[in-house]
Amino acid sequence: FGESPDEPVLTIEDLLPHLARKAQYGKKIEEAIPGEKLNLIVGSIPLPDKEMKDRVKLAILKLLNDKYGIVEEDFISAEIEIVPAGPARDVGFDSSMVGGYGHDDRICAYTSLRAVLDVQNPKWTVIALFFDKEEIGSDGNTGAQSHFVEYVIAKLFELQGKGDYFKVVDALNHSEAISADVSAALDPDWKEVHEAKNAAKLGYGLPVTKYTGRGGKYTANDAHAEFVAKIRRIFNQAGVVWQPAELGKVDEGGGGTVAKYLAKFGMDVIDAGPALLSMHSPFEIASKADLWMAYKGYKAFFEAE
């Protein structure tokens, strides 16, 4: 809803700066816009019966029921996401970049999917797993902390008539994985939050990150040196342009991926994904060249012996 030019959009209004001196200006950024004030504007035309209460609400509910068959109680069980509307756009006079909402992590999901679909007769079993809820801790039965990975491998063995659980554990322990997630590109306007010598740069190839975390390697997976060397060799032999990368200055902040949840099975895991400017904003920016290298890198990994 809202993607097509002939469709309306919903919006969240903002406080005008003329009246924000006390309400916002004196507060920290994290306190200036409370979550409870992020209310959607969904309509303004009331039902004609002036004796009724909540006439605008009832008019909207009638519209939703007429068009989609939705009643008010359906909102209790519905899972609805409100996201920035509009298509992705070429960025720059040279159209060398692409901007849009949700590059993190749709660009990694798309390039991974295309890569695994294009692999022909791999030597090993290859799997592309797409997890939910990564930004809120990877919890729940669709997150990386669930036992879904074990279930998938166990199911593969069951289909072969091999139901021994040790085989599942052993297979996971001998597996290798790329955690396909975006990296932070060196921001020309905020260079002070990056360690320039180790930051990913837009258009310089696929960033490969040995570890994430905060305060160094806290709460992070740390890929073994031998596995990092193997990834280097795979990418170099396949002509993948790549770059080493870290996530900002050691004491500036930090972040994490699903890598540590895969590593708990004993498998070797490393992070690799395109760099972004304006990460987590309504309009994230990625290099088209980096996206191409992500596809090439993931495909080379799937095809490696």
Protein backbone atom coordinates (compact mmCIF):
# COMPACT_ATOMS: atom_id res chain seq x y z
CA PHE A 1 0.00 0.00 0.00
CA GLY A 2 1.43 3.38 -1.00
CA GLU A 3 4.07 2.14 -3.46
CA SER A 4 2.11 2.94 -6.61
CA PRO A 5 1.95 6.63 -7.65
CA ASP A 6 -1.85 6.44 -7.83
CA GLU A 7 -2.19 5.15 -4.25
CA PRO A 8 -2.42 7.38 -1.18
CA VAL A 9 0.11 7.12 1.64
CA LEU A 10 -0.14 7.28 5.41
CA THR A 11 2.11 9.60 7.38
CA ILE A 12 3.35 10.56 10.84
CA GLU A 13 3.19 14.29 11.48
CA ASP A 14 5.99 16.23 13.15
CA LEU A 15 6.02 19.12 15.58
CA LEU A 16 6.66 22.44 13.88
CA PRO A 17 10.01 23.98 14.89
CA HIS A 18 8.30 27.24 15.91
CA LEU A 19 6.77 25.48 18.93
CA ALA A 20 9.45 22.89 19.68
CA ARG A 21 11.72 24.96 21.95
CA LYS A 22 10.55 23.40 25.23
CA ALA A 23 9.07 20.17 23.92
CA GLN A 24 12.13 19.04 21.94
CA TYR A 25 15.11 21.39 21.65
CA GLY A 26 16.33 21.00 25.22
CA LYS A 27 16.16 17.20 25.16
CA LYS A 28 18.54 14.51 24.01
CA ILE A 29 17.81 13.14 20.55
CA GLU A 30 16.68 9.81 22.00
CA GLU A 31 14.11 11.63 24.17
CA ALA A 32 12.90 14.31 21.75
CA ILE A 33 10.44 12.09 19.87
CA PRO A 34 8.66 9.61 22.18
CA GLY A 35 7.46 6.43 20.51
CA GLU A 36 3.90 7.10 21.69
CA LYS A 37 3.79 10.22 19.50
CA LEU A 38 4.51 8.32 16.29
CA ASN A 39 0.84 8.08 15.43
CA LEU A 40 -0.37 7.61 11.87
CA ILE A 41 -2.63 10.02 10.08
CA VAL A 42 -5.04 7.73 8.24
CA GLY A 43 -7.95 9.98 7.29
CA SER A 44 -10.11 12.98 8.16
CA ILE A 45 -13.58 12.57 6.60
CA PRO A 46 -16.27 11.63 9.17
CA LEU A 47 -19.44 9.64 8.65
CA PRO A 48 -22.39 11.96 7.96
CA ASP A 49 -24.41 10.95 11.06
CA LYS A 50 -23.60 13.69 13.60
CA GLU A 51 -25.17 11.70 16.44
CA MET A 52 -22.43 9.07 16.24
CA LYS A 53 -19.17 9.16 18.20
CA ASP A 54 -15.74 8.62 16.62
CA ARG A 55 -17.15 9.39 13.19
CA VAL A 56 -13.74 9.61 11.46
CA LYS A 57 -12.60 6.32 12.99
CA LEU A 58 -15.81 4.58 11.96
CA ALA A 59 -15.53 6.00 8.46
CA ILE A 60 -12.02 4.58 8.11
CA LEU A 61 -13.11 1.21 9.49
CA LYS A 62 -15.96 1.13 6.97
CA LEU A 63 -13.54 1.91 4.17
CA LEU A 64 -11.16 -0.86 5.29
CA ASN A 65 -14.03 -3.31 5.57
CA ASP A 66 -15.42 -2.44 2.15
CA LYS A 67 -12.02 -2.67 0.46
CA TYR A 68 -10.21 -5.40 2.42
CA GLY A 69 -12.83 -7.12 4.57
CA ILE A 70 -11.07 -5.93 7.74
CA VAL A 71 -12.92 -5.37 11.01
CA GLU A 72 -11.53 -3.56 14.06
CA GLU A 73 -10.73 -6.74 16.00
CA ASP A 74 -8.49 -7.92 13.15
CA PHE A 75 -5.91 -5.33 14.21
CA ILE A 76 -5.29 -7.32 17.39
CA SER A 77 -3.88 -10.28 15.45
CA ALA A 78 -2.58 -8.38 12.42
CA GLU A 79 1.12 -7.86 11.82
CA ILE A 80 1.38 -4.52 10.08
CA GLU A 81 4.58 -2.61 9.35
CA ILE A 82 4.61 1.08 8.48
CA VAL A 83 7.62 1.81 6.28
CA PRO A 84 8.75 4.67 4.04
CA ALA A 85 6.86 4.61 0.75
CA GLY A 86 8.39 5.00 -2.67
CA PRO A 87 10.64 3.03 -5.01
CA ALA A 88 14.42 2.77 -4.88
CA ARG A 89 16.16 5.43 -6.97
CA ASP A 90 19.46 5.86 -8.75
CA VAL A 91 21.68 8.25 -6.79
CA GLY A 92 24.27 10.63 -8.21
CA PHE A 93 24.71 12.35 -11.57
CA ASP A 94 26.47 9.17 -12.69
CA SER A 95 23.76 6.85 -11.26
CA SER A 96 26.53 4.88 -9.56
CA MET A 97 24.57 4.33 -6.36
CA VAL A 98 21.11 3.17 -5.40
CA GLY A 99 19.07 4.69 -2.60
CA GLY A 100 15.98 3.41 -0.87
CA TYR A 101 14.42 2.16 2.32
CA GLY A 102 15.50 -1.15 3.84
CA HIS A 103 18.80 -1.83 2.07
CA ASP A 104 19.69 -3.24 5.49
CA ASP A 105 19.20 -6.05 4.88
CA ARG A 106 17.22 -6.56 1.70
CA ILE A 107 20.28 -6.05 -0.50
CA CYS A 108 22.06 -8.94 1.22
CA ALA A 109 18.96 -11.14 1.07
CA TYR A 110 18.50 -10.45 -2.63
CA THR A 111 22.13 -10.98 -3.63
CA SER A 112 22.30 -14.16 -1.52
CA LEU A 113 19.13 -15.52 -3.08
CA ARG A 114 20.30 -14.76 -6.60
CA ALA A 115 23.66 -16.34 -5.84
CA VAL A 116 22.28 -19.60 -4.47
CA LEU A 117 19.76 -19.89 -7.33
CA ASP A 118 22.53 -19.43 -9.89
CA VAL A 119 24.83 -22.10 -8.42
CA GLN A 120 25.09 -25.21 -10.60
CA ASN A 121 26.06 -28.62 -9.16
CA PRO A 122 27.88 -27.47 -6.00
CA LYS A 123 30.32 -29.90 -4.40
CA TRP A 124 28.74 -29.42 -0.98
CA THR A 125 25.18 -28.90 0.20
CA VAL A 126 24.54 -25.15 0.02
CA ILE A 127 21.84 -23.33 1.97
CA ALA A 128 20.73 -19.71 2.04
CA LEU A 129 18.88 -19.00 5.29
CA PHE A 130 16.85 -15.83 5.78
CA PHE A 131 16.19 -14.88 9.39
CA ASP A 132 13.68 -12.48 10.92
CA LYS A 133 14.02 -10.07 13.86
CA GLU A 134 17.77 -9.48 13.52
CA GLU A 135 17.44 -5.85 14.57
CA ILE A 136 15.75 -6.73 17.87
CA GLY A 137 18.03 -9.52 19.05
CA SER A 138 17.20 -12.40 16.69
CA ASP A 139 14.71 -13.80 19.21
CA GLY A 140 11.54 -15.77 18.54
CA ASN A 141 11.00 -18.87 16.44
CA THR A 142 11.90 -17.03 13.22
CA GLY A 143 15.11 -15.48 14.54
CA ALA A 144 18.66 -16.77 14.35
CA GLN A 145 18.57 -17.78 18.03
CA SER A 146 15.88 -20.36 17.27
CA HIS A 147 16.66 -24.00 16.46
CA PHE A 148 15.58 -23.63 12.85
CA VAL A 149 19.08 -24.30 11.51
CA GLU A 150 19.23 -27.57 13.42
CA TYR A 151 15.77 -28.49 12.17
CA VAL A 152 16.72 -27.89 8.53
CA ILE A 153 19.86 -30.03 8.77
CA ALA A 154 18.05 -32.75 10.73
CA LYS A 155 15.32 -32.80 8.08
CA LEU A 156 17.89 -33.25 5.32
CA PHE A 157 19.36 -36.24 7.16
CA GLU A 158 15.91 -37.68 7.84
CA LEU A 159 15.06 -37.53 4.14
CA GLN A 160 18.19 -39.61 3.52
CA GLY A 161 17.19 -42.13 6.18
CA LYS A 162 19.89 -40.94 8.59
CA GLY A 163 18.17 -39.89 11.79
CA ASP A 164 21.20 -39.94 14.11
CA TYR A 165 21.32 -36.58 15.94
CA PHE A 166 25.11 -36.77 16.21
CA LYS A 167 25.26 -36.53 12.43
CA VAL A 168 23.33 -33.26 12.66
CA VAL A 169 25.72 -31.86 15.27
CA ASP A 170 28.73 -33.07 13.32
CA ALA A 171 27.46 -31.56 10.06
CA LEU A 172 26.86 -28.19 11.69
CA ASN A 173 30.25 -28.29 13.38
CA HIS A 174 31.95 -28.84 10.02
CA SER A 175 29.91 -26.19 8.19
CA GLU A 176 31.07 -22.79 7.00
CA ALA A 177 28.94 -19.68 6.69
CA ILE A 178 28.90 -16.08 5.59
CA SER A 179 26.73 -13.82 7.69
CA ALA A 180 25.46 -11.57 4.91
CA ASP A 181 24.83 -8.22 6.56
CA VAL A 182 25.63 -4.66 5.61
CA SER A 183 28.61 -2.68 6.87
CA ALA A 184 28.97 1.01 7.72
CA ALA A 185 30.59 3.05 4.97
CA LEU A 186 33.01 5.83 5.85
CA ASP A 187 30.76 8.87 6.17
CA PRO A 188 32.42 11.99 4.70
CA ASP A 189 30.40 14.25 7.01
CA TRP A 190 31.02 12.20 10.17
CA LYS A 191 34.55 10.91 9.75
CA GLU A 192 35.20 11.28 13.46
CA VAL A 193 33.10 8.20 14.34
CA HIS A 194 35.12 5.96 12.02
CA GLU A 195 38.65 4.64 12.18
CA ALA A 196 39.48 5.70 8.64
CA LYS A 197 42.24 3.14 8.06
CA ASN A 198 39.87 0.25 8.80
CA ALA A 199 36.51 1.60 7.62
CA ALA A 200 34.67 0.31 4.57
CA LYS A 201 34.38 2.75 1.68
CA LEU A 202 31.51 3.03 -0.76
CA GLY A 203 32.45 1.61 -4.16
CA TYR A 204 35.60 -0.17 -2.97
CA GLY A 205 34.17 -3.68 -3.12
CA LEU A 206 32.52 -6.15 -0.76
CA PRO A 207 33.45 -5.44 2.89
CA VAL A 208 34.66 -8.47 4.85
CA THR A 209 34.43 -8.08 8.63
CA LYS A 210 36.36 -10.46 10.88
CA TYR A 211 34.46 -9.33 13.97
CA THR A 212 31.78 -6.82 14.97
CA GLY A 213 30.65 -6.19 18.56
CA ARG A 214 31.37 -3.15 20.69
CA GLY A 215 34.29 -2.02 22.79
CA GLY A 216 36.46 -4.22 20.60
CA LYS A 217 34.99 -7.70 20.20
CA TYR A 218 32.44 -7.76 23.03
CA THR A 219 29.34 -9.88 22.18
CA ALA A 220 30.72 -10.68 18.72
CA ASN A 221 31.73 -13.64 16.64
CA ASP A 222 35.43 -13.53 15.77
CA ALA A 223 36.31 -15.47 12.64
CA HIS A 224 39.38 -17.72 12.84
CA ALA A 225 42.43 -16.49 10.96
CA GLU A 226 42.47 -19.65 8.84
CA PHE A 227 38.86 -19.11 7.76
CA VAL A 228 39.53 -15.46 6.92
CA ALA A 229 42.43 -16.62 4.74
CA LYS A 230 40.14 -19.12 3.02
CA ILE A 231 37.57 -16.41 2.26
CA ARG A 232 40.34 -14.21 0.87
CA ARG A 233 41.47 -17.02 -1.41
CA ILE A 234 37.94 -17.79 -2.63
CA PHE A 235 37.21 -14.16 -3.42
CA ASN A 236 40.58 -13.51 -5.06
CA GLN A 237 40.32 -16.56 -7.29
CA ALA A 238 36.80 -15.56 -8.36
CA GLY A 239 37.80 -11.99 -9.17
CA VAL A 240 35.72 -10.52 -6.36
CA VAL A 241 36.75 -7.00 -5.38
CA TRP A 242 36.62 -6.90 -1.58
CA GLN A 243 37.87 -4.80 1.31
CA PRO A 244 38.53 -5.46 5.02
CA ALA A 245 36.25 -3.48 7.31
CA GLU A 246 35.43 -2.71 10.94
CA LEU A 247 32.31 -1.09 12.36
CA GLY A 248 33.43 2.34 13.54
CA LYS A 249 35.88 3.37 16.24
CA VAL A 250 36.38 0.88 19.06
CA ASP A 251 34.77 3.07 21.74
CA GLU A 252 32.28 4.93 19.55
CA GLY A 253 29.42 2.43 19.59
CA GLY A 254 29.16 -0.88 17.82
CA GLY A 255 26.76 -3.46 16.51
CA GLY A 256 26.32 -7.11 15.77
CA THR A 257 24.92 -9.64 13.32
CA VAL A 258 23.62 -13.21 13.36
CA ALA A 259 27.19 -14.52 13.00
CA LYS A 260 27.58 -15.33 16.70
CA TYR A 261 24.37 -17.36 16.73
CA LEU A 262 25.59 -19.52 13.85
CA ALA A 263 29.03 -19.86 15.42
CA LYS A 264 27.55 -21.51 18.52
CA PHE A 265 27.04 -24.64 16.41
CA GLY A 266 30.80 -24.81 15.91
CA MET A 267 30.78 -23.65 12.31
CA ASP A 268 33.22 -21.09 10.92
CA VAL A 269 31.43 -17.79 10.25
CA ILE A 270 32.47 -14.43 8.87
CA ASP A 271 30.53 -11.24 8.09
CA ALA A 272 30.45 -9.93 4.53
CA GLY A 273 28.01 -7.42 3.09
CA PRO A 274 27.89 -4.14 1.14
CA ALA A 275 28.69 -0.87 2.88
CA LEU A 276 25.95 1.71 3.41
CA LEU A 277 25.67 5.42 3.95
CA SER A 278 22.71 6.62 6.04
CA MET A 279 22.16 3.15 7.52
CA HIS A 280 18.77 2.73 9.25
CA SER A 281 17.47 5.94 7.70
CA PRO A 282 14.44 6.15 5.37
CA PHE A 283 16.84 6.41 2.40
CA GLU A 284 19.94 4.23 2.66
CA ILE A 285 22.63 4.47 -0.01
CA ALA A 286 24.68 1.63 -1.50
CA SER A 287 27.15 1.39 -4.36
CA LYS A 288 25.96 -0.61 -7.35
CA ALA A 289 29.49 -1.92 -7.81
CA ASP A 290 29.51 -3.22 -4.23
CA LEU A 291 26.16 -4.94 -4.79
CA TRP A 292 27.55 -6.71 -7.84
CA MET A 293 30.59 -7.82 -5.85
CA ALA A 294 28.32 -9.09 -3.06
CA TYR A 295 26.53 -11.32 -5.56
CA LYS A 296 29.84 -12.52 -7.02
CA GLY A 297 31.28 -13.12 -3.56
CA TYR A 298 28.32 -15.09 -2.24
CA LYS A 299 28.16 -17.18 -5.42
CA ALA A 300 31.90 -17.90 -5.26
CA PHE A 301 31.49 -19.01 -1.64
CA PHE A 302 28.64 -21.37 -2.55
CA GLU A 303 30.68 -22.86 -5.40
CA ALA A 304 33.97 -23.21 -3.50
CA GLU A 305 35.46 -26.64 -2.86
